[in-house]
PDB file of N, CA and C in Angstrom:
ATOM      1  N   UNK A   1     -22.613  12.982  17.524  1.00  0.00           N
ATOM      2  CA  UNK A   1     -22.611  12.358  16.219  1.00  0.00           C
ATOM      3  C   UNK A   1     -21.377  12.762  15.417  1.00  0.00           C
ATOM      4  N   UNK A   2     -21.053  14.058  15.403  1.00  0.00           N
ATOM      5  CA  UNK A   2     -19.892  14.529  14.653  1.00  0.00           C
ATOM      6  C   UNK A   2     -18.608  13.882  15.178  1.00  0.00           C
ATOM      7  N   UNK A   3     -18.520  13.694  16.474  1.00  0.00           N
ATOM      8  CA  UNK A   3     -17.342  13.078  17.060  1.00  0.00           C
ATOM      9  C   UNK A   3     -17.185  11.639  16.580  1.00  0.00           C
ATOM     10  N   UNK A   4     -18.294  10.918  16.510  1.00  0.00           N
ATOM     11  CA  UNK A   4     -18.247   9.531  16.035  1.00  0.00           C
ATOM     12  C   UNK A   4     -17.790   9.467  14.579  1.00  0.00           C
ATOM     13  N   UNK A   5     -18.305  10.357  13.744  1.00  0.00           N
ATOM     14  CA  UNK A   5     -17.906  10.397  12.333  1.00  0.00           C
ATOM     15  C   UNK A   5     -16.434  10.776  12.212  1.00  0.00           C
ATOM     16  N   UNK A   6     -16.013  11.774  12.971  1.00  0.00           N
ATOM     17  CA  UNK A   6     -14.608  12.180  12.958  1.00  0.00           C
ATOM     18  C   UNK A   6     -13.714  11.024  13.353  1.00  0.00           C
ATOM     19  N   UNK A   7     -14.115  10.296  14.380  1.00  0.00           N
ATOM     20  CA  UNK A   7     -13.329   9.153  14.854  1.00  0.00           C
ATOM     21  C   UNK A   7     -13.169   8.103  13.753  1.00  0.00           C
ATOM     22  N   UNK A   8     -14.199   7.893  12.940  1.00  0.00           N
ATOM     23  CA  UNK A   8     -14.111   6.929  11.838  1.00  0.00           C
ATOM     24  C   UNK A   8     -12.981   7.276  10.873  1.00  0.00           C
ATOM     25  N   UNK A   9     -12.735   8.572  10.688  1.00  0.00           N
ATOM     26  CA  UNK A   9     -11.728   9.011   9.737  1.00  0.00           C
ATOM     27  C   UNK A   9     -10.330   9.139  10.326  1.00  0.00           C
ATOM     28  N   UNK A  10     -10.194   9.280  11.628  1.00  0.00           N
ATOM     29  CA  UNK A  10      -8.869   9.533  12.203  1.00  0.00           C
ATOM     30  C   UNK A  10      -8.351   8.413  13.100  1.00  0.00           C
ATOM     31  N   UNK A  11      -9.211   7.519  13.533  1.00  0.00           N
ATOM     32  CA  UNK A  11      -8.770   6.489  14.478  1.00  0.00           C
ATOM     33  C   UNK A  11      -7.711   5.569  13.880  1.00  0.00           C
ATOM     34  N   UNK A  12      -7.972   5.007  12.719  1.00  0.00           N
ATOM     35  CA  UNK A  12      -6.988   4.103  12.119  1.00  0.00           C
ATOM     36  C   UNK A  12      -5.702   4.825  11.722  1.00  0.00           C
ATOM     37  N   UNK A  13      -5.771   5.966  11.019  1.00  0.00           N
ATOM     38  CA  UNK A  13      -4.509   6.651  10.714  1.00  0.00           C
ATOM     39  C   UNK A  13      -3.684   6.952  11.975  1.00  0.00           C
ATOM     40  N   UNK A  14      -4.344   7.336  13.030  1.00  0.00           N
ATOM     41  CA  UNK A  14      -3.628   7.608  14.277  1.00  0.00           C
ATOM     42  C   UNK A  14      -2.965   6.354  14.826  1.00  0.00           C
ATOM     43  N   UNK A  15      -3.571   5.185  14.598  1.00  0.00           N
ATOM     44  CA  UNK A  15      -3.004   3.933  15.116  1.00  0.00           C
ATOM     45  C   UNK A  15      -1.689   3.570  14.434  1.00  0.00           C
ATOM     46  N   UNK A  16      -1.423   4.171  13.280  1.00  0.00           N
ATOM     47  CA  UNK A  16      -0.143   3.963  12.602  1.00  0.00           C
ATOM     48  C   UNK A  16       0.656   5.263  12.555  1.00  0.00           C
ATOM     49  N   UNK A  17       0.376   6.157  13.511  1.00  0.00           N
ATOM     50  CA  UNK A  17       1.101   7.425  13.682  1.00  0.00           C
ATOM     51  C   UNK A  17       1.067   8.303  12.442  1.00  0.00           C
ATOM     52  N   UNK A  18      -0.103   8.432  11.827  1.00  0.00           N
ATOM     53  CA  UNK A  18      -0.257   9.286  10.660  1.00  0.00           C
ATOM     54  C   UNK A  18      -1.479  10.171  10.823  1.00  0.00           C
ATOM     55  N   UNK A  19      -1.477  11.267  10.085  1.00  0.00           N
ATOM     56  CA  UNK A  19      -2.675  12.096  10.009  1.00  0.00           C
ATOM     57  C   UNK A  19      -3.587  11.486   8.957  1.00  0.00           C
ATOM     58  N   UNK A  20      -4.801  12.000   8.853  1.00  0.00           N
ATOM     59  CA  UNK A  20      -5.731  11.517   7.832  1.00  0.00           C
ATOM     60  C   UNK A  20      -5.135  11.685   6.443  1.00  0.00           C
ATOM     61  N   UNK A  21      -4.608  12.882   6.144  1.00  0.00           N
ATOM     62  CA  UNK A  21      -4.069  13.145   4.812  1.00  0.00           C
ATOM     63  C   UNK A  21      -2.745  12.421   4.573  1.00  0.00           C
ATOM     64  N   UNK A  22      -1.946  12.267   5.616  1.00  0.00           N
ATOM     65  CA  UNK A  22      -0.718  11.481   5.485  1.00  0.00           C
ATOM     66  C   UNK A  22      -1.033  10.028   5.167  1.00  0.00           C
ATOM     67  N   UNK A  23      -2.064   9.511   5.823  1.00  0.00           N
ATOM     68  CA  UNK A  23      -2.490   8.142   5.573  1.00  0.00           C
ATOM     69  C   UNK A  23      -3.064   8.002   4.157  1.00  0.00           C
ATOM     70  N   UNK A  24      -3.797   9.012   3.725  1.00  0.00           N
ATOM     71  CA  UNK A  24      -4.353   8.993   2.372  1.00  0.00           C
ATOM     72  C   UNK A  24      -3.222   8.950   1.341  1.00  0.00           C
ATOM     73  N   UNK A  25      -2.190   9.751   1.545  1.00  0.00           N
ATOM     74  CA  UNK A  25      -1.057   9.777   0.621  1.00  0.00           C
ATOM     75  C   UNK A  25      -0.337   8.430   0.601  1.00  0.00           C
ATOM     76  N   UNK A  26      -0.104   7.856   1.785  1.00  0.00           N
ATOM     77  CA  UNK A  26       0.575   6.562   1.850  1.00  0.00           C
ATOM     78  C   UNK A  26      -0.270   5.478   1.183  1.00  0.00           C
ATOM     79  N   UNK A  27      -1.566   5.459   1.436  1.00  0.00           N
ATOM     80  CA  UNK A  27      -2.444   4.457   0.834  1.00  0.00           C
ATOM     81  C   UNK A  27      -2.494   4.610  -0.685  1.00  0.00           C
ATOM     82  N   UNK A  28      -2.472   5.838  -1.174  1.00  0.00           N
ATOM     83  CA  UNK A  28      -2.441   6.067  -2.617  1.00  0.00           C
ATOM     84  C   UNK A  28      -1.142   5.571  -3.230  1.00  0.00           C
ATOM     85  N   UNK A  29      -0.021   5.855  -2.571  1.00  0.00           N
ATOM     86  CA  UNK A  29       1.278   5.349  -3.036  1.00  0.00           C
ATOM     87  C   UNK A  29       1.278   3.823  -3.031  1.00  0.00           C
ATOM     88  N   UNK A  30       0.766   3.230  -1.964  1.00  0.00           N
ATOM     89  CA  UNK A  30       0.707   1.780  -1.825  1.00  0.00           C
ATOM     90  C   UNK A  30      -0.122   1.174  -2.959  1.00  0.00           C
ATOM     91  N   UNK A  31      -1.268   1.764  -3.255  1.00  0.00           N
ATOM     92  CA  UNK A  31      -2.133   1.269  -4.328  1.00  0.00           C
ATOM     93  C   UNK A  31      -1.423   1.359  -5.677  1.00  0.00           C
ATOM     94  N   UNK A  32      -0.690   2.444  -5.905  1.00  0.00           N
ATOM     95  CA  UNK A  32       0.021   2.576  -7.179  1.00  0.00           C
ATOM     96  C   UNK A  32       1.076   1.488  -7.336  1.00  0.00           C
ATOM     97  N   UNK A  33       1.733   1.140  -6.246  1.00  0.00           N
ATOM     98  CA  UNK A  33       2.729   0.055  -6.292  1.00  0.00           C
ATOM     99  C   UNK A  33       2.051  -1.291  -6.531  1.00  0.00           C
ATOM    100  N   UNK A  34       0.877  -1.497  -5.948  1.00  0.00           N
ATOM    101  CA  UNK A  34       0.138  -2.741  -6.201  1.00  0.00           C
ATOM    102  C   UNK A  34      -0.286  -2.838  -7.665  1.00  0.00           C
ATOM    103  N   UNK A  35      -0.752  -1.728  -8.247  1.00  0.00           N
ATOM    104  CA  UNK A  35      -1.110  -1.728  -9.668  1.00  0.00           C
ATOM    105  C   UNK A  35       0.104  -2.057 -10.532  1.00  0.00           C
ATOM    106  N   UNK A  36       1.253  -1.491 -10.187  1.00  0.00           N
ATOM    107  CA  UNK A  36       2.475  -1.764 -10.932  1.00  0.00           C
ATOM    108  C   UNK A  36       2.855  -3.245 -10.825  1.00  0.00           C
ATOM    109  N   UNK A  37       2.749  -3.803  -9.625  1.00  0.00           N
ATOM    110  CA  UNK A  37       3.048  -5.227  -9.431  1.00  0.00           C
ATOM    111  C   UNK A  37       2.084  -6.090 -10.238  1.00  0.00           C
ATOM    112  N   UNK A  38       0.814  -5.728 -10.236  1.00  0.00           N
ATOM    113  CA  UNK A  38      -0.176  -6.490 -10.994  1.00  0.00           C
ATOM    114  C   UNK A  38       0.118  -6.425 -12.488  1.00  0.00           C
ATOM    115  N   UNK A  39       0.471  -5.247 -12.989  1.00  0.00           N
ATOM    116  CA  UNK A  39       0.809  -5.101 -14.407  1.00  0.00           C
ATOM    117  C   UNK A  39       2.022  -5.961 -14.761  1.00  0.00           C
ATOM    118  N   UNK A  40       3.050  -5.926 -13.905  1.00  0.00           N
ATOM    119  CA  UNK A  40       4.254  -6.724 -14.158  1.00  0.00           C
ATOM    120  C   UNK A  40       3.929  -8.217 -14.144  1.00  0.00           C
ATOM    121  N   UNK A  41       3.118  -8.654 -13.200  1.00  0.00           N
ATOM    122  CA  UNK A  41       2.758 -10.072 -13.104  1.00  0.00           C
ATOM    123  C   UNK A  41       1.934 -10.513 -14.312  1.00  0.00           C
ATOM    124  N   UNK A  42       1.006  -9.684 -14.736  1.00  0.00           N
ATOM    125  CA  UNK A  42       0.180 -10.021 -15.892  1.00  0.00           C
ATOM    126  C   UNK A  42       1.024 -10.070 -17.168  1.00  0.00           C
ATOM    127  N   UNK A  43       1.910  -9.103 -17.319  1.00  0.00           N
ATOM    128  CA  UNK A  43       2.805  -9.105 -18.473  1.00  0.00           C
ATOM    129  C   UNK A  43       3.699 -10.346 -18.442  1.00  0.00           C
ATOM    130  N   UNK A  44       4.216 -10.671 -17.279  1.00  0.00           N
ATOM    131  CA  UNK A  44       5.070 -11.849 -17.111  1.00  0.00           C
ATOM    132  C   UNK A  44       4.312 -13.138 -17.440  1.00  0.00           C
ATOM    133  N   UNK A  45       3.034 -13.185 -17.140  1.00  0.00           N
ATOM    134  CA  UNK A  45       2.229 -14.371 -17.449  1.00  0.00           C
ATOM    135  C   UNK A  45       2.185 -14.634 -18.947  1.00  0.00           C
ATOM    136  N   UNK A  46       2.148 -13.568 -19.736  1.00  0.00           N
ATOM    137  CA  UNK A  46       2.059 -13.702 -21.188  1.00  0.00           C
ATOM    138  C   UNK A  46       3.450 -13.792 -21.820  1.00  0.00           C
ATOM    139  N   UNK A  47       4.360 -13.006 -21.301  1.00  0.00           N
ATOM    140  CA  UNK A  47       5.739 -12.944 -21.816  1.00  0.00           C
ATOM    141  C   UNK A  47       6.699 -13.262 -20.672  1.00  0.00           C
ATOM    142  N   UNK A  48       6.915 -14.536 -20.367  1.00  0.00           N
ATOM    143  CA  UNK A  48       7.637 -14.925 -19.163  1.00  0.00           C
ATOM    144  C   UNK A  48       9.096 -14.464 -19.081  1.00  0.00           C
ATOM    145  N   UNK A  49       9.643 -13.965 -20.180  1.00  0.00           N
ATOM    146  CA  UNK A  49      11.016 -13.467 -20.167  1.00  0.00           C
ATOM    147  C   UNK A  49      11.085 -12.016 -19.687  1.00  0.00           C
ATOM    148  N   UNK A  50       9.937 -11.386 -19.467  1.00  0.00           N
ATOM    149  CA  UNK A  50       9.891 -10.016 -18.956  1.00  0.00           C
ATOM    150  C   UNK A  50       9.461  -9.996 -17.487  1.00  0.00           C
ATOM    151  N   UNK A  51       9.972  -9.045 -16.751  1.00  0.00           N
ATOM    152  CA  UNK A  51       9.562  -8.789 -15.355  1.00  0.00           C
ATOM    153  C   UNK A  51       9.624 -10.051 -14.482  1.00  0.00           C
ATOM    154  N   UNK A  52      10.716 -10.777 -14.585  1.00  0.00           N
ATOM    155  CA  UNK A  52      10.837 -12.055 -13.872  1.00  0.00           C
ATOM    156  C   UNK A  52      10.749 -11.916 -12.357  1.00  0.00           C
ATOM    157  N   UNK A  53      11.238 -10.829 -11.801  1.00  0.00           N
ATOM    158  CA  UNK A  53      11.222 -10.662 -10.338  1.00  0.00           C
ATOM    159  C   UNK A  53      10.544  -9.367  -9.893  1.00  0.00           C
ATOM    160  N   UNK A  54       9.999  -8.620 -10.824  1.00  0.00           N
ATOM    161  CA  UNK A  54       9.459  -7.297 -10.499  1.00  0.00           C
ATOM    162  C   UNK A  54       8.321  -7.350  -9.489  1.00  0.00           C
ATOM    163  N   UNK A  55       7.322  -8.184  -9.735  1.00  0.00           N
ATOM    164  CA  UNK A  55       6.162  -8.239  -8.829  1.00  0.00           C
ATOM    165  C   UNK A  55       6.583  -8.670  -7.428  1.00  0.00           C
ATOM    166  N   UNK A  56       7.408  -9.696  -7.332  1.00  0.00           N
ATOM    167  CA  UNK A  56       7.818 -10.161  -5.999  1.00  0.00           C
ATOM    168  C   UNK A  56       8.678  -9.118  -5.290  1.00  0.00           C
ATOM    169  N   UNK A  57       9.488  -8.383  -6.031  1.00  0.00           N
ATOM    170  CA  UNK A  57      10.292  -7.319  -5.418  1.00  0.00           C
ATOM    171  C   UNK A  57       9.410  -6.211  -4.863  1.00  0.00           C
ATOM    172  N   UNK A  58       8.383  -5.850  -5.609  1.00  0.00           N
ATOM    173  CA  UNK A  58       7.462  -4.809  -5.146  1.00  0.00           C
ATOM    174  C   UNK A  58       6.718  -5.280  -3.901  1.00  0.00           C
ATOM    175  N   UNK A  59       6.243  -6.516  -3.902  1.00  0.00           N
ATOM    176  CA  UNK A  59       5.535  -7.054  -2.735  1.00  0.00           C
ATOM    177  C   UNK A  59       6.454  -7.075  -1.517  1.00  0.00           C
ATOM    178  N   UNK A  60       7.703  -7.460  -1.707  1.00  0.00           N
ATOM    179  CA  UNK A  60       8.676  -7.464  -0.603  1.00  0.00           C
ATOM    180  C   UNK A  60       8.864  -6.051  -0.059  1.00  0.00           C
ATOM    181  N   UNK A  61       8.998  -5.075  -0.963  1.00  0.00           N
ATOM    182  CA  UNK A  61       9.144  -3.675  -0.556  1.00  0.00           C
ATOM    183  C   UNK A  61       7.933  -3.204   0.258  1.00  0.00           C
ATOM    184  N   UNK A  62       6.742  -3.541  -0.208  1.00  0.00           N
ATOM    185  CA  UNK A  62       5.527  -3.130   0.503  1.00  0.00           C
ATOM    186  C   UNK A  62       5.454  -3.772   1.887  1.00  0.00           C
ATOM    187  N   UNK A  63       5.812  -5.028   1.970  1.00  0.00           N
ATOM    188  CA  UNK A  63       5.817  -5.711   3.266  1.00  0.00           C
ATOM    189  C   UNK A  63       6.788  -5.023   4.227  1.00  0.00           C
ATOM    190  N   UNK A  64       7.991  -4.736   3.740  1.00  0.00           N
ATOM    191  CA  UNK A  64       8.992  -4.104   4.597  1.00  0.00           C
ATOM    192  C   UNK A  64       8.542  -2.721   5.062  1.00  0.00           C
ATOM    193  N   UNK A  65       7.847  -1.981   4.199  1.00  0.00           N
ATOM    194  CA  UNK A  65       7.377  -0.646   4.562  1.00  0.00           C
ATOM    195  C   UNK A  65       6.218  -0.682   5.562  1.00  0.00           C
ATOM    196  N   UNK A  66       5.456  -1.771   5.607  1.00  0.00           N
ATOM    197  CA  UNK A  66       4.253  -1.802   6.438  1.00  0.00           C
ATOM    198  C   UNK A  66       4.320  -2.757   7.624  1.00  0.00           C
ATOM    199  N   UNK A  67       5.324  -3.600   7.682  1.00  0.00           N
ATOM    200  CA  UNK A  67       5.355  -4.692   8.653  1.00  0.00           C
ATOM    201  C   UNK A  67       5.126  -4.248  10.100  1.00  0.00           C
ATOM    202  N   UNK A  68       5.817  -3.257  10.549  1.00  0.00           N
ATOM    203  CA  UNK A  68       5.710  -2.861  11.966  1.00  0.00           C
ATOM    204  C   UNK A  68       5.150  -1.466  12.178  1.00  0.00           C
ATOM    205  N   UNK A  69       4.345  -1.001  11.248  1.00  0.00           N
ATOM    206  CA  UNK A  69       3.774   0.327  11.407  1.00  0.00           C
ATOM    207  C   UNK A  69       2.840   0.378  12.599  1.00  0.00           C
ATOM    208  N   UNK A  70       2.967   1.440  13.373  1.00  0.00           N
ATOM    209  CA  UNK A  70       2.062   1.661  14.492  1.00  0.00           C
ATOM    210  C   UNK A  70       2.333   0.818  15.725  1.00  0.00           C
ATOM    211  N   UNK A  71       3.472   0.145  15.740  1.00  0.00           N
ATOM    212  CA  UNK A  71       3.786  -0.691  16.923  1.00  0.00           C
ATOM    213  C   UNK A  71       4.818  -0.047  17.786  1.00  0.00           C
TER     214      UNK A  71
END
């Protein structure tokens, strides 16, 4: 049973060559960038002269950082 539970926590991080805590740190960083992109997009929706390319730039950065992980 313990092995099955352990596998739930380490199998996916290992598939992208990370430890559990390394994966946690990367996922936290990724989430913070998504929140920033969402804030920029929402602000841009109300004030279209602000953050004209910020959200799309962040999304592009995230894609480039994750595109071929674990391959």
